[in-house]
Amino acid sequence: KNEMMQAADADTADTAESLPVEADDDDSGGNKATRRMLDSTRRSRIGVCLVMLVALLYVSSGAAIQLLFDELEFEKPFFFSYTSVMLCSCYLLQAQCWQCVKRVRQRSGDHAYSHLYGLTTTVVSSVHKPASLLRPALLLAPAYFALNYTYFLSLDLTSVSETMILSASTGLWTLLFSRLVLREPVKRMKLLAVLVSGFGICLVTYCSTVSVVDKSQPSEHEATNSTAGNVLALLSAVSSGIYVVLLRALVPSEEEVHMPSLFGMIGLTASCCFAPLFPLLHFTGVEQFELPQSAQQW
């Protein structure tokens, strides 16, 4: 009987001691959820700011490119497309530099900064084995190069405003292709946002056309170039939608692949695959290959 009472007292004591632990576990779980929510909110805000910065750089670069085409007479859309795509391969060098820095930190015994590099085991394996990124890079490179080349061609044929307006229809094509390829459900908010964006594109395009007609009667050659430029800008938006959907299909989770390394591999693959087009375009007279001749062009 005494042994049973002692066992009961021990069980009671164990239960009493375990209650605060469970409460602590609940508190820690709540803190983790709160931290996770705050981190998600912070990442969303940073993402919005980065999107706005990208949009600003996108429009500014378009104006600068058209200035090179029209004012400085350096009409080389393929040259600009190839150069911009080729520069993406620098991401591979960046990833290798980060890896070297991490190895130095580990050898020196300084593990306090290892979280700054954000390279998990899966990411490290993808950095060390670039061949694992070759297949998605080969599939993404044509769409990525096409959206760049058609974009630069449209800038050569039409105005920056019309190019930017038609390029903004990327969301429509992304929604369409994600439904057809990824079988993603079309939510009401997404559909409403796309419809509002499409209505704005039509409205601004109509106002731009009316203002041009009121000011002067364009020549047949200018009208043809403007139409071709608008079609190319629309093709750029379609290519961008295909690229985004393919990226989502080939890389379902960003944690599984080191994204800068993937972009670097896309740039390297595209620069290797499309390099033979330089002599083809040069000897056919479509685009003469030459470097900038003046300091202003550089």
Protein backbone atom coordinates (compact mmCIF):
# COMPACT_ATOMS: atom_id res chain seq x y z
CA LYS A 1 0.00 0.00 0.00
CA ASN A 2 2.82 2.38 0.84
CA GLU A 3 4.49 1.58 -2.47
CA MET A 4 1.23 2.30 -4.31
CA MET A 5 0.82 5.63 -2.49
CA GLN A 6 4.40 6.58 -3.26
CA ALA A 7 3.86 5.70 -6.92
CA ALA A 8 0.67 7.80 -6.99
CA ASP A 9 2.47 10.73 -5.37
CA ALA A 10 5.27 10.39 -7.91
CA ASP A 11 2.76 10.38 -10.79
CA THR A 12 1.07 13.47 -9.37
CA ALA A 13 4.39 15.22 -9.03
CA ASP A 14 5.35 14.27 -12.56
CA THR A 15 2.02 15.58 -13.85
CA ALA A 16 2.42 18.84 -11.94
CA GLU A 17 5.93 19.25 -13.29
CA SER A 18 4.83 18.51 -16.84
CA LEU A 19 2.08 21.15 -16.89
CA PRO A 20 4.40 24.17 -17.04
CA VAL A 21 6.42 22.45 -19.74
CA GLU A 22 3.33 21.99 -21.88
CA ALA A 23 2.44 25.62 -21.31
CA ASP A 24 5.93 26.60 -22.32
CA ASP A 25 5.59 24.46 -25.42
CA ASP A 26 2.33 26.21 -26.27
CA ASP A 27 3.94 29.59 -25.71
CA SER A 28 6.92 28.70 -27.84
CA GLY A 29 4.62 27.43 -30.57
CA GLY A 30 2.65 30.66 -30.46
CA ASN A 31 5.84 32.69 -30.60
CA LYS A 32 7.03 30.70 -33.59
CA ALA A 33 3.74 31.26 -35.41
CA THR A 34 3.88 34.99 -34.63
CA ARG A 35 7.46 35.22 -35.83
CA ARG A 36 6.53 33.32 -38.96
CA MET A 37 3.64 35.69 -39.68
CA LEU A 38 5.79 38.77 -39.09
CA ASP A 39 8.51 37.35 -41.32
CA SER A 40 5.96 36.66 -44.06
CA THR A 41 4.62 40.22 -43.80
CA ARG A 42 8.12 41.65 -43.93
CA ARG A 43 9.01 39.54 -46.96
CA SER A 44 5.81 40.66 -48.71
CA ARG A 45 6.61 44.32 -48.13
CA ILE A 46 10.16 43.85 -49.38
CA GLY A 47 8.79 42.04 -52.41
CA VAL A 48 6.42 44.91 -53.24
CA CYS A 49 9.25 47.42 -52.96
CA LEU A 50 11.44 45.31 -55.22
CA VAL A 51 8.64 45.00 -57.79
CA MET A 52 8.27 48.80 -57.84
CA LEU A 53 12.03 49.19 -58.23
CA VAL A 54 12.08 46.67 -61.09
CA ALA A 55 9.22 48.52 -62.82
CA LEU A 56 11.11 51.82 -62.51
CA LEU A 57 14.30 50.31 -63.90
CA TYR A 58 12.33 48.57 -66.64
CA VAL A 59 10.77 51.78 -67.93
CA SER A 60 14.01 53.76 -67.58
CA SER A 61 16.01 51.16 -69.48
CA GLY A 62 13.41 51.15 -72.26
CA ALA A 63 13.71 54.91 -72.67
CA ALA A 64 17.52 54.65 -72.70
CA ILE A 65 17.48 51.86 -75.30
CA GLN A 66 15.18 53.81 -77.59
CA LEU A 67 17.46 56.81 -77.22
CA LEU A 68 20.32 54.64 -78.49
CA PHE A 69 18.20 53.39 -81.37
CA ASP A 70 16.84 56.74 -82.56
CA GLU A 71 19.17 59.52 -81.45
CA LEU A 72 22.55 57.74 -81.48
CA GLU A 73 21.67 55.47 -84.44
CA PHE A 74 22.85 52.25 -82.83
CA GLU A 75 19.99 49.95 -83.84
CA LYS A 76 21.20 46.58 -82.62
CA PRO A 77 18.27 44.76 -80.96
CA PHE A 78 19.91 41.33 -81.24
CA PHE A 79 23.17 42.67 -79.82
CA PHE A 80 21.36 44.13 -76.80
CA SER A 81 19.31 40.97 -76.31
CA TYR A 82 22.34 38.71 -76.45
CA THR A 83 24.36 40.95 -74.13
CA SER A 84 21.60 41.21 -71.51
CA VAL A 85 21.05 37.44 -71.53
CA MET A 86 24.77 36.68 -71.45
CA LEU A 87 25.28 38.91 -68.39
CA CYS A 88 22.95 36.62 -66.43
CA SER A 89 25.73 34.02 -66.44
CA CYS A 90 27.56 36.22 -63.93
CA TYR A 91 25.22 34.76 -61.32
CA LEU A 92 27.18 31.51 -61.56
CA LEU A 93 30.36 33.36 -60.63
CA GLN A 94 28.55 35.03 -57.75
CA ALA A 95 27.36 31.68 -56.40
CA GLN A 96 30.86 30.25 -56.55
CA CYS A 97 32.22 33.30 -54.71
CA TRP A 98 29.68 32.84 -51.94
CA GLN A 99 30.66 29.19 -51.71
CA CYS A 100 34.33 30.09 -51.37
CA VAL A 101 33.51 32.60 -48.63
CA LYS A 102 31.48 29.99 -46.79
CA ARG A 103 34.30 27.44 -46.97
CA VAL A 104 36.74 29.99 -45.57
CA ARG A 105 34.34 30.75 -42.72
CA GLN A 106 33.91 27.08 -41.92
CA ARG A 107 37.63 26.35 -41.98
CA SER A 108 38.31 29.27 -39.67
CA GLY A 109 35.73 27.93 -37.23
CA ASP A 110 33.46 30.95 -37.56
CA HIS A 111 29.97 29.50 -37.89
CA ALA A 112 28.16 32.57 -36.56
CA TYR A 113 27.71 34.01 -40.06
CA SER A 114 26.69 30.82 -41.82
CA HIS A 115 23.01 31.82 -41.77
CA LEU A 116 23.78 34.93 -43.84
CA TYR A 117 24.53 32.93 -46.96
CA GLY A 118 21.21 31.05 -46.98
CA LEU A 119 22.67 27.96 -48.61
CA THR A 120 20.90 24.82 -47.42
CA THR A 121 22.07 21.30 -48.17
CA THR A 122 19.92 21.11 -51.28
CA VAL A 123 21.10 24.50 -52.47
CA VAL A 124 24.74 23.60 -51.91
CA SER A 125 24.29 20.43 -53.95
CA SER A 126 22.76 22.44 -56.80
CA VAL A 127 25.65 24.92 -56.69
CA HIS A 128 28.26 22.16 -56.67
CA LYS A 129 26.47 20.29 -59.48
CA PRO A 130 25.54 22.81 -62.17
CA ALA A 131 24.64 19.92 -64.46
CA SER A 132 21.46 19.42 -62.41
CA LEU A 133 20.35 22.87 -63.59
CA LEU A 134 21.09 22.18 -67.25
CA ARG A 135 17.71 20.63 -68.12
CA PRO A 136 15.52 23.46 -66.74
CA ALA A 137 17.94 26.00 -68.21
CA LEU A 138 17.65 24.45 -71.68
CA LEU A 139 13.86 24.57 -71.48
CA LEU A 140 13.73 28.13 -70.14
CA ALA A 141 16.42 29.69 -72.34
CA PRO A 142 14.37 29.95 -75.60
CA ALA A 143 11.45 31.69 -73.88
CA TYR A 144 13.77 34.00 -71.96
CA PHE A 145 15.70 34.99 -75.07
CA ALA A 146 12.49 35.40 -77.09
CA LEU A 147 10.93 37.79 -74.59
CA ASN A 148 14.11 39.92 -74.61
CA TYR A 149 14.58 39.94 -78.40
CA THR A 150 10.96 40.77 -79.21
CA TYR A 151 11.04 43.49 -76.56
CA PHE A 152 14.11 45.19 -78.07
CA LEU A 153 12.68 44.82 -81.58
CA SER A 154 9.45 46.50 -80.50
CA LEU A 155 11.43 49.39 -79.01
CA ASP A 156 13.10 49.82 -82.39
CA LEU A 157 9.77 50.03 -84.22
CA THR A 158 7.36 51.76 -81.87
CA SER A 159 7.32 54.13 -78.90
CA VAL A 160 8.35 53.29 -75.36
CA SER A 161 4.87 53.98 -74.01
CA GLU A 162 3.16 51.56 -76.40
CA THR A 163 5.79 48.90 -75.75
CA MET A 164 5.42 49.21 -71.97
CA ILE A 165 1.63 49.21 -72.15
CA LEU A 166 1.45 46.05 -74.24
CA SER A 167 4.19 44.38 -72.21
CA ALA A 168 2.02 44.94 -69.13
CA SER A 169 -0.37 42.29 -70.47
CA THR A 170 2.01 39.62 -69.13
CA GLY A 171 -0.38 38.94 -66.24
CA LEU A 172 -3.15 37.96 -68.67
CA TRP A 173 -0.99 35.41 -70.46
CA THR A 174 0.49 34.11 -67.21
CA LEU A 175 -3.00 33.50 -65.86
CA LEU A 176 -4.06 31.77 -69.08
CA PHE A 177 -1.00 29.51 -69.36
CA SER A 178 -1.01 28.67 -65.64
CA ARG A 179 -4.57 27.46 -66.06
CA LEU A 180 -3.78 25.43 -69.19
CA VAL A 181 -0.40 24.00 -68.14
CA LEU A 182 -0.37 23.95 -64.33
CA ARG A 183 -4.13 23.47 -63.91
CA GLU A 184 -4.20 26.19 -61.30
CA PRO A 185 -7.66 27.45 -60.31
CA VAL A 186 -8.58 30.91 -61.51
CA LYS A 187 -9.47 32.91 -58.42
CA ARG A 188 -11.86 35.83 -58.61
CA MET A 189 -9.35 38.38 -57.38
CA LYS A 190 -6.76 37.30 -59.96
CA LEU A 191 -9.35 37.41 -62.74
CA LEU A 192 -10.57 40.82 -61.61
CA ALA A 193 -7.02 42.20 -61.47
CA VAL A 194 -6.30 40.89 -64.97
CA LEU A 195 -9.54 42.36 -66.35
CA VAL A 196 -8.81 45.75 -64.80
CA SER A 197 -5.28 45.63 -66.19
CA GLY A 198 -6.58 44.67 -69.64
CA PHE A 199 -9.15 47.47 -69.58
CA GLY A 200 -6.43 49.96 -68.65
CA ILE A 201 -4.20 48.70 -71.47
CA CYS A 202 -7.01 49.09 -74.03
CA LEU A 203 -7.91 52.54 -72.73
CA VAL A 204 -4.37 53.90 -72.79
CA THR A 205 -3.70 52.37 -76.23
CA TYR A 206 -6.87 53.97 -77.62
CA CYS A 207 -5.99 57.37 -76.15
CA SER A 208 -2.47 57.14 -77.54
CA THR A 209 -3.78 56.27 -81.01
CA VAL A 210 -6.30 59.11 -80.99
CA SER A 211 -3.68 61.65 -79.94
CA VAL A 212 -1.33 60.56 -82.72
CA VAL A 213 -4.09 60.82 -85.34
CA ASP A 214 -5.08 64.28 -84.12
CA LYS A 215 -1.54 65.62 -84.23
CA SER A 216 -0.46 64.45 -87.65
CA GLN A 217 -1.23 61.89 -90.28
CA PRO A 218 1.51 59.24 -90.07
CA SER A 219 3.02 57.83 -93.23
CA GLU A 220 2.30 54.30 -94.37
CA HIS A 221 5.82 53.19 -93.42
CA GLU A 222 5.49 54.63 -89.91
CA ALA A 223 2.08 53.04 -89.46
CA THR A 224 3.44 49.66 -90.57
CA ASN A 225 6.40 49.90 -88.20
CA SER A 226 4.12 50.92 -85.34
CA THR A 227 1.82 47.97 -85.96
CA ALA A 228 4.73 45.56 -86.19
CA GLY A 229 6.22 46.99 -83.00
CA ASN A 230 2.92 46.55 -81.17
CA VAL A 231 2.69 42.93 -82.33
CA LEU A 232 6.26 42.29 -81.18
CA ALA A 233 5.54 43.88 -77.79
CA LEU A 234 2.54 41.59 -77.46
CA LEU A 235 4.70 38.59 -78.39
CA SER A 236 7.17 39.66 -75.72
CA ALA A 237 4.36 39.60 -73.16
CA VAL A 238 3.28 36.14 -74.36
CA SER A 239 6.88 34.86 -74.13
CA SER A 240 7.15 36.31 -70.65
CA GLY A 241 3.99 34.48 -69.60
CA ILE A 242 5.35 31.21 -71.03
CA TYR A 243 8.65 31.77 -69.24
CA VAL A 244 6.99 32.39 -65.86
CA VAL A 245 4.76 29.32 -66.15
CA LEU A 246 7.64 27.09 -67.26
CA LEU A 247 9.73 28.37 -64.36
CA ARG A 248 6.93 27.51 -61.96
CA ALA A 249 6.50 24.05 -63.51
CA LEU A 250 10.21 23.20 -63.50
CA VAL A 251 10.94 24.75 -60.10
CA PRO A 252 7.90 24.19 -57.86
CA SER A 253 9.77 25.32 -54.73
CA GLU A 254 12.47 27.98 -54.60
CA GLU A 255 14.04 26.19 -51.62
CA GLU A 256 14.96 23.21 -53.80
CA VAL A 257 17.07 25.21 -56.26
CA HIS A 258 19.55 28.03 -55.87
CA MET A 259 17.73 30.57 -58.05
CA PRO A 260 20.76 32.80 -58.88
CA SER A 261 22.58 29.70 -60.09
CA LEU A 262 19.58 28.76 -62.23
CA PHE A 263 19.44 32.23 -63.79
CA GLY A 264 23.18 32.04 -64.38
CA MET A 265 22.79 28.70 -66.12
CA ILE A 266 19.97 30.12 -68.26
CA GLY A 267 22.23 32.97 -69.34
CA LEU A 268 25.12 30.63 -70.10
CA THR A 269 22.92 28.20 -72.03
CA ALA A 270 21.20 30.94 -74.05
CA SER A 271 24.50 32.65 -74.91
CA CYS A 272 25.92 29.36 -76.17
CA CYS A 273 22.82 28.34 -78.14
CA PHE A 274 22.12 31.68 -79.82
CA ALA A 275 25.71 32.74 -80.56
CA PRO A 276 25.55 31.23 -84.10
CA LEU A 277 22.85 33.76 -84.96
CA PHE A 278 25.44 36.55 -84.96
CA PRO A 279 27.12 35.54 -88.26
CA LEU A 280 23.76 34.52 -89.74
CA LEU A 281 22.22 37.93 -89.11
CA HIS A 282 25.43 39.69 -90.12
CA PHE A 283 25.89 38.04 -93.53
CA THR A 284 22.18 38.16 -94.39
CA GLY A 285 22.17 41.90 -93.70
CA VAL A 286 19.48 41.76 -91.01
CA GLU A 287 21.78 43.25 -88.38
CA GLN A 288 25.41 44.16 -88.94
CA PHE A 289 27.57 43.08 -86.03
CA GLU A 290 29.70 45.93 -84.71
CA LEU A 291 30.67 47.40 -81.37
CA PRO A 292 29.65 50.94 -80.37
CA GLN A 293 31.74 53.46 -82.26
CA SER A 294 31.45 56.57 -80.09
CA ALA A 295 31.78 57.38 -76.43
CA GLN A 296 28.12 58.40 -76.29
CA GLN A 297 27.03 54.99 -77.53
CA TRP A 298 29.17 53.28 -74.91
